[in-house]
Amino acid sequence: GYNPEYGARPLRRAIQRYVENPLSTKILRSDFKEGDTVAISVEAEELSFTKAEPVKA
């Protein structure tokens, strides 16, 4: 989370490494398209990205 010396930068890097980068790769491979809802879960200590049904407001 938060480090007094570095602020929230370590958290930001973790989000990039574990969420943004793998999700970007999947979008480029056309696993997901514009408008898709993506669910992120943990499987075998790794994040798993799956297409989900949109949540109705």
PDB file of N, CA and C in Angstrom:
ATOM      1  N   GLY A   1       0.752  -1.160   0.000  1.00  0.00           N
ATOM      2  CA  GLY A   1       0.000   0.000   0.000  1.00  0.00           C
ATOM      3  C   GLY A   1       0.825   1.272   0.000  1.00  0.00           C
ATOM      4  N   TYR A   2       0.947   1.852   1.170  1.00  0.00           N
ATOM      5  CA  TYR A   2       1.562   3.168   1.283  1.00  0.00           C
ATOM      6  C   TYR A   2       2.898   3.051   1.990  1.00  0.00           C
ATOM      7  N   ASN A   3       3.909   3.742   1.484  1.00  0.00           N
ATOM      8  CA  ASN A   3       5.234   3.786   2.083  1.00  0.00           C
ATOM      9  C   ASN A   3       5.543   5.249   2.355  1.00  0.00           C
ATOM     10  N   PRO A   4       5.910   5.616   3.609  1.00  0.00           N
ATOM     11  CA  PRO A   4       6.163   7.025   3.911  1.00  0.00           C
ATOM     12  C   PRO A   4       7.219   7.659   3.003  1.00  0.00           C
ATOM     13  N   GLU A   5       8.198   6.884   2.604  1.00  0.00           N
ATOM     14  CA  GLU A   5       9.272   7.426   1.762  1.00  0.00           C
ATOM     15  C   GLU A   5       8.857   7.547   0.298  1.00  0.00           C
ATOM     16  N   TYR A   6       8.124   6.563  -0.208  1.00  0.00           N
ATOM     17  CA  TYR A   6       7.784   6.522  -1.631  1.00  0.00           C
ATOM     18  C   TYR A   6       6.314   6.804  -1.925  1.00  0.00           C
ATOM     19  N   GLY A   7       5.493   6.976  -0.908  1.00  0.00           N
ATOM     20  CA  GLY A   7       4.072   7.219  -1.126  1.00  0.00           C
ATOM     21  C   GLY A   7       3.391   5.968  -1.658  1.00  0.00           C
ATOM     22  N   ALA A   8       2.508   6.135  -2.635  1.00  0.00           N
ATOM     23  CA  ALA A   8       1.754   5.011  -3.195  1.00  0.00           C
ATOM     24  C   ALA A   8       2.400   4.454  -4.461  1.00  0.00           C
ATOM     25  N   ARG A   9       3.600   4.906  -4.811  1.00  0.00           N
ATOM     26  CA  ARG A   9       4.248   4.442  -6.051  1.00  0.00           C
ATOM     27  C   ARG A   9       4.426   2.931  -6.110  1.00  0.00           C
ATOM     28  N   PRO A  10       4.826   2.245  -5.020  1.00  0.00           N
ATOM     29  CA  PRO A  10       4.939   0.785  -5.115  1.00  0.00           C
ATOM     30  C   PRO A  10       3.603   0.116  -5.452  1.00  0.00           C
ATOM     31  N   LEU A  11       2.510   0.634  -4.909  1.00  0.00           N
ATOM     32  CA  LEU A  11       1.189   0.094  -5.217  1.00  0.00           C
ATOM     33  C   LEU A  11       0.854   0.331  -6.683  1.00  0.00           C
ATOM     34  N   ARG A  12       1.157   1.509  -7.191  1.00  0.00           N
ATOM     35  CA  ARG A  12       0.898   1.829  -8.597  1.00  0.00           C
ATOM     36  C   ARG A  12       1.659   0.881  -9.516  1.00  0.00           C
ATOM     37  N   ARG A  13       2.920   0.597  -9.192  1.00  0.00           N
ATOM     38  CA  ARG A  13       3.722  -0.327 -10.013  1.00  0.00           C
ATOM     39  C   ARG A  13       3.148  -1.741  -9.958  1.00  0.00           C
ATOM     40  N   ALA A  14       2.663  -2.155  -8.802  1.00  0.00           N
ATOM     41  CA  ALA A  14       2.069  -3.491  -8.674  1.00  0.00           C
ATOM     42  C   ALA A  14       0.803  -3.601  -9.521  1.00  0.00           C
ATOM     43  N   ILE A  15      -0.019  -2.559  -9.522  1.00  0.00           N
ATOM     44  CA  ILE A  15      -1.229  -2.570 -10.347  1.00  0.00           C
ATOM     45  C   ILE A  15      -0.861  -2.659 -11.821  1.00  0.00           C
ATOM     46  N   GLN A  16       0.152  -1.907 -12.240  1.00  0.00           N
ATOM     47  CA  GLN A  16       0.601  -1.983 -13.637  1.00  0.00           C
ATOM     48  C   GLN A  16       1.086  -3.383 -13.974  1.00  0.00           C
ATOM     49  N   ARG A  17       1.904  -3.944 -13.126  1.00  0.00           N
ATOM     50  CA  ARG A  17       2.531  -5.241 -13.412  1.00  0.00           C
ATOM     51  C   ARG A  17       1.526  -6.390 -13.425  1.00  0.00           C
ATOM     52  N   TYR A  18       0.619  -6.412 -12.451  1.00  0.00           N
ATOM     53  CA  TYR A  18      -0.259  -7.567 -12.295  1.00  0.00           C
ATOM     54  C   TYR A  18      -1.637  -7.412 -12.934  1.00  0.00           C
ATOM     55  N   VAL A  19      -2.068  -6.177 -13.215  1.00  0.00           N
ATOM     56  CA  VAL A  19      -3.400  -5.974 -13.793  1.00  0.00           C
ATOM     57  C   VAL A  19      -3.313  -5.331 -15.180  1.00  0.00           C
ATOM     58  N   GLU A  20      -2.751  -4.140 -15.266  1.00  0.00           N
ATOM     59  CA  GLU A  20      -2.778  -3.395 -16.527  1.00  0.00           C
ATOM     60  C   GLU A  20      -2.007  -4.088 -17.645  1.00  0.00           C
ATOM     61  N   ASN A  21      -0.799  -4.543 -17.377  1.00  0.00           N
ATOM     62  CA  ASN A  21       0.002  -5.167 -18.443  1.00  0.00           C
ATOM     63  C   ASN A  21      -0.631  -6.455 -18.968  1.00  0.00           C
ATOM     64  N   PRO A  22      -1.013  -7.420 -18.096  1.00  0.00           N
ATOM     65  CA  PRO A  22      -1.642  -8.634 -18.635  1.00  0.00           C
ATOM     66  C   PRO A  22      -2.981  -8.354 -19.326  1.00  0.00           C
ATOM     67  N   LEU A  23      -3.768  -7.433 -18.781  1.00  0.00           N
ATOM     68  CA  LEU A  23      -5.051  -7.114 -19.400  1.00  0.00           C
ATOM     69  C   LEU A  23      -4.843  -6.464 -20.768  1.00  0.00           C
ATOM     70  N   SER A  24      -3.862  -5.585 -20.885  1.00  0.00           N
ATOM     71  CA  SER A  24      -3.547  -4.965 -22.177  1.00  0.00           C
ATOM     72  C   SER A  24      -3.175  -6.014 -23.211  1.00  0.00           C
ATOM     73  N   THR A  25      -2.392  -6.990 -22.809  1.00  0.00           N
ATOM     74  CA  THR A  25      -2.000  -8.071 -23.715  1.00  0.00           C
ATOM     75  C   THR A  25      -3.225  -8.832 -24.193  1.00  0.00           C
ATOM     76  N   LYS A  26      -4.141  -9.128 -23.289  1.00  0.00           N
ATOM     77  CA  LYS A  26      -5.351  -9.862 -23.666  1.00  0.00           C
ATOM     78  C   LYS A  26      -6.238  -9.036 -24.605  1.00  0.00           C
ATOM     79  N   ILE A  27      -6.294  -7.733 -24.397  1.00  0.00           N
ATOM     80  CA  ILE A  27      -7.069  -6.872 -25.294  1.00  0.00           C
ATOM     81  C   ILE A  27      -6.431  -6.859 -26.680  1.00  0.00           C
ATOM     82  N   LEU A  28      -5.112  -6.765 -26.746  1.00  0.00           N
ATOM     83  CA  LEU A  28      -4.420  -6.768 -28.040  1.00  0.00           C
ATOM     84  C   LEU A  28      -4.593  -8.091 -28.771  1.00  0.00           C
ATOM     85  N   ARG A  29      -4.730  -9.201 -28.020  1.00  0.00           N
ATOM     86  CA  ARG A  29      -4.960 -10.515 -28.626  1.00  0.00           C
ATOM     87  C   ARG A  29      -6.431 -10.733 -28.964  1.00  0.00           C
ATOM     88  N   SER A  30      -7.251  -9.714 -28.738  1.00  0.00           N
ATOM     89  CA  SER A  30      -8.695  -9.761 -29.000  1.00  0.00           C
ATOM     90  C   SER A  30      -9.441 -10.730 -28.092  1.00  0.00           C
ATOM     91  N   ASP A  31      -8.882 -11.019 -26.913  1.00  0.00           N
ATOM     92  CA  ASP A  31      -9.611 -11.824 -25.935  1.00  0.00           C
ATOM     93  C   ASP A  31     -10.795 -11.028 -25.387  1.00  0.00           C
ATOM     94  N   PHE A  32     -10.648  -9.700 -25.348  1.00  0.00           N
ATOM     95  CA  PHE A  32     -11.703  -8.796 -24.896  1.00  0.00           C
ATOM     96  C   PHE A  32     -11.829  -7.674 -25.916  1.00  0.00           C
ATOM     97  N   LYS A  33     -13.037  -7.118 -26.003  1.00  0.00           N
ATOM     98  CA  LYS A  33     -13.255  -6.016 -26.941  1.00  0.00           C
ATOM     99  C   LYS A  33     -13.922  -4.854 -26.218  1.00  0.00           C
ATOM    100  N   GLU A  34     -14.044  -3.736 -26.907  1.00  0.00           N
ATOM    101  CA  GLU A  34     -14.659  -2.545 -26.327  1.00  0.00           C
ATOM    102  C   GLU A  34     -16.055  -2.864 -25.810  1.00  0.00           C
ATOM    103  N   GLY A  35     -16.327  -2.447 -24.596  1.00  0.00           N
ATOM    104  CA  GLY A  35     -17.635  -2.660 -23.993  1.00  0.00           C
ATOM    105  C   GLY A  35     -17.734  -3.906 -23.138  1.00  0.00           C
ATOM    106  N   ASP A  36     -16.754  -4.810 -23.234  1.00  0.00           N
ATOM    107  CA  ASP A  36     -16.767  -6.015 -22.402  1.00  0.00           C
ATOM    108  C   ASP A  36     -16.562  -5.652 -20.937  1.00  0.00           C
ATOM    109  N   THR A  37     -17.178  -6.436 -20.069  1.00  0.00           N
ATOM    110  CA  THR A  37     -16.932  -6.339 -18.639  1.00  0.00           C
ATOM    111  C   THR A  37     -15.974  -7.462 -18.285  1.00  0.00           C
ATOM    112  N   VAL A  38     -14.881  -7.122 -17.620  1.00  0.00           N
ATOM    113  CA  VAL A  38     -13.854  -8.107 -17.288  1.00  0.00           C
ATOM    114  C   VAL A  38     -13.860  -8.347 -15.787  1.00  0.00           C
ATOM    115  N   ALA A  39     -13.951  -9.619 -15.407  1.00  0.00           N
ATOM    116  CA  ALA A  39     -13.866 -10.005 -13.999  1.00  0.00           C
ATOM    117  C   ALA A  39     -12.448 -10.492 -13.732  1.00  0.00           C
ATOM    118  N   ILE A  40     -11.901 -10.080 -12.612  1.00  0.00           N
ATOM    119  CA  ILE A  40     -10.556 -10.495 -12.221  1.00  0.00           C
ATOM    120  C   ILE A  40     -10.679 -11.318 -10.951  1.00  0.00           C
ATOM    121  N   SER A  41     -10.113 -12.526 -10.982  1.00  0.00           N
ATOM    122  CA  SER A  41     -10.131 -13.385  -9.804  1.00  0.00           C
ATOM    123  C   SER A  41      -8.743 -13.981  -9.612  1.00  0.00           C
ATOM    124  N   VAL A  42      -8.550 -14.647  -8.497  1.00  0.00           N
ATOM    125  CA  VAL A  42      -7.266 -15.274  -8.194  1.00  0.00           C
ATOM    126  C   VAL A  42      -7.425 -16.780  -8.330  1.00  0.00           C
ATOM    127  N   GLU A  43      -6.567 -17.381  -9.144  1.00  0.00           N
ATOM    128  CA  GLU A  43      -6.547 -18.830  -9.339  1.00  0.00           C
ATOM    129  C   GLU A  43      -5.105 -19.294  -9.269  1.00  0.00           C
ATOM    130  N   ALA A  44      -4.827 -20.225  -8.379  1.00  0.00           N
ATOM    131  CA  ALA A  44      -3.467 -20.763  -8.209  1.00  0.00           C
ATOM    132  C   ALA A  44      -2.458 -19.639  -7.999  1.00  0.00           C
ATOM    133  N   GLU A  45      -2.817 -18.676  -7.150  1.00  0.00           N
ATOM    134  CA  GLU A  45      -1.957 -17.549  -6.791  1.00  0.00           C
ATOM    135  C   GLU A  45      -1.629 -16.625  -7.960  1.00  0.00           C
ATOM    136  N   GLU A  46      -2.436 -16.651  -9.023  1.00  0.00           N
ATOM    137  CA  GLU A  46      -2.273 -15.750 -10.159  1.00  0.00           C
ATOM    138  C   GLU A  46      -3.616 -15.116 -10.486  1.00  0.00           C
ATOM    139  N   LEU A  47      -3.574 -13.927 -11.060  1.00  0.00           N
ATOM    140  CA  LEU A  47      -4.810 -13.270 -11.463  1.00  0.00           C
ATOM    141  C   LEU A  47      -5.337 -13.901 -12.741  1.00  0.00           C
ATOM    142  N   SER A  48      -6.646 -14.073 -12.781  1.00  0.00           N
ATOM    143  CA  SER A  48      -7.323 -14.638 -13.941  1.00  0.00           C
ATOM    144  C   SER A  48      -8.322 -13.606 -14.454  1.00  0.00           C
ATOM    145  N   PHE A  49      -8.336 -13.379 -15.755  1.00  0.00           N
ATOM    146  CA  PHE A  49      -9.215 -12.398 -16.380  1.00  0.00           C
ATOM    147  C   PHE A  49     -10.255 -13.141 -17.213  1.00  0.00           C
ATOM    148  N   THR A  50     -11.541 -12.901 -16.934  1.00  0.00           N
ATOM    149  CA  THR A  50     -12.607 -13.549 -17.688  1.00  0.00           C
ATOM    150  C   THR A  50     -13.665 -12.523 -18.063  1.00  0.00           C
ATOM    151  N   LYS A  51     -14.352 -12.782 -19.170  1.00  0.00           N
ATOM    152  CA  LYS A  51     -15.450 -11.916 -19.583  1.00  0.00           C
ATOM    153  C   LYS A  51     -16.627 -12.195 -18.656  1.00  0.00           C
ATOM    154  N   ALA A  52     -17.251 -11.133 -18.170  1.00  0.00           N
ATOM    155  CA  ALA A  52     -18.364 -11.266 -17.234  1.00  0.00           C
ATOM    156  C   ALA A  52     -19.582 -10.538 -17.775  1.00  0.00           C
ATOM    157  N   GLU A  53     -20.726 -10.890 -17.235  1.00  0.00           N
ATOM    158  CA  GLU A  53     -21.953 -10.186 -17.577  1.00  0.00           C
ATOM    159  C   GLU A  53     -21.924  -8.814 -16.927  1.00  0.00           C
ATOM    160  N   PRO A  54     -22.328  -7.773 -17.650  1.00  0.00           N
ATOM    161  CA  PRO A  54     -22.353  -6.432 -17.051  1.00  0.00           C
ATOM    162  C   PRO A  54     -23.310  -6.382 -15.864  1.00  0.00           C
ATOM    163  N   VAL A  55     -22.968  -5.577 -14.886  1.00  0.00           N
ATOM    164  CA  VAL A  55     -23.808  -5.396 -13.707  1.00  0.00           C
ATOM    165  C   VAL A  55     -24.843  -4.330 -14.020  1.00  0.00           C
ATOM    166  N   LYS A  56     -26.099  -4.640 -13.773  1.00  0.00           N
ATOM    167  CA  LYS A  56     -27.180  -3.672 -14.008  1.00  0.00           C
ATOM    168  C   LYS A  56     -27.223  -2.685 -12.853  1.00  0.00           C
ATOM    169  N   ALA A  57     -27.332  -1.402 -13.166  1.00  0.00           N
ATOM    170  CA  ALA A  57     -27.369  -0.366 -12.122  1.00  0.00           C
ATOM    171  C   ALA A  57     -28.740  -0.244 -11.513  1.00  0.00           C
TER     172      ALA A  57
END
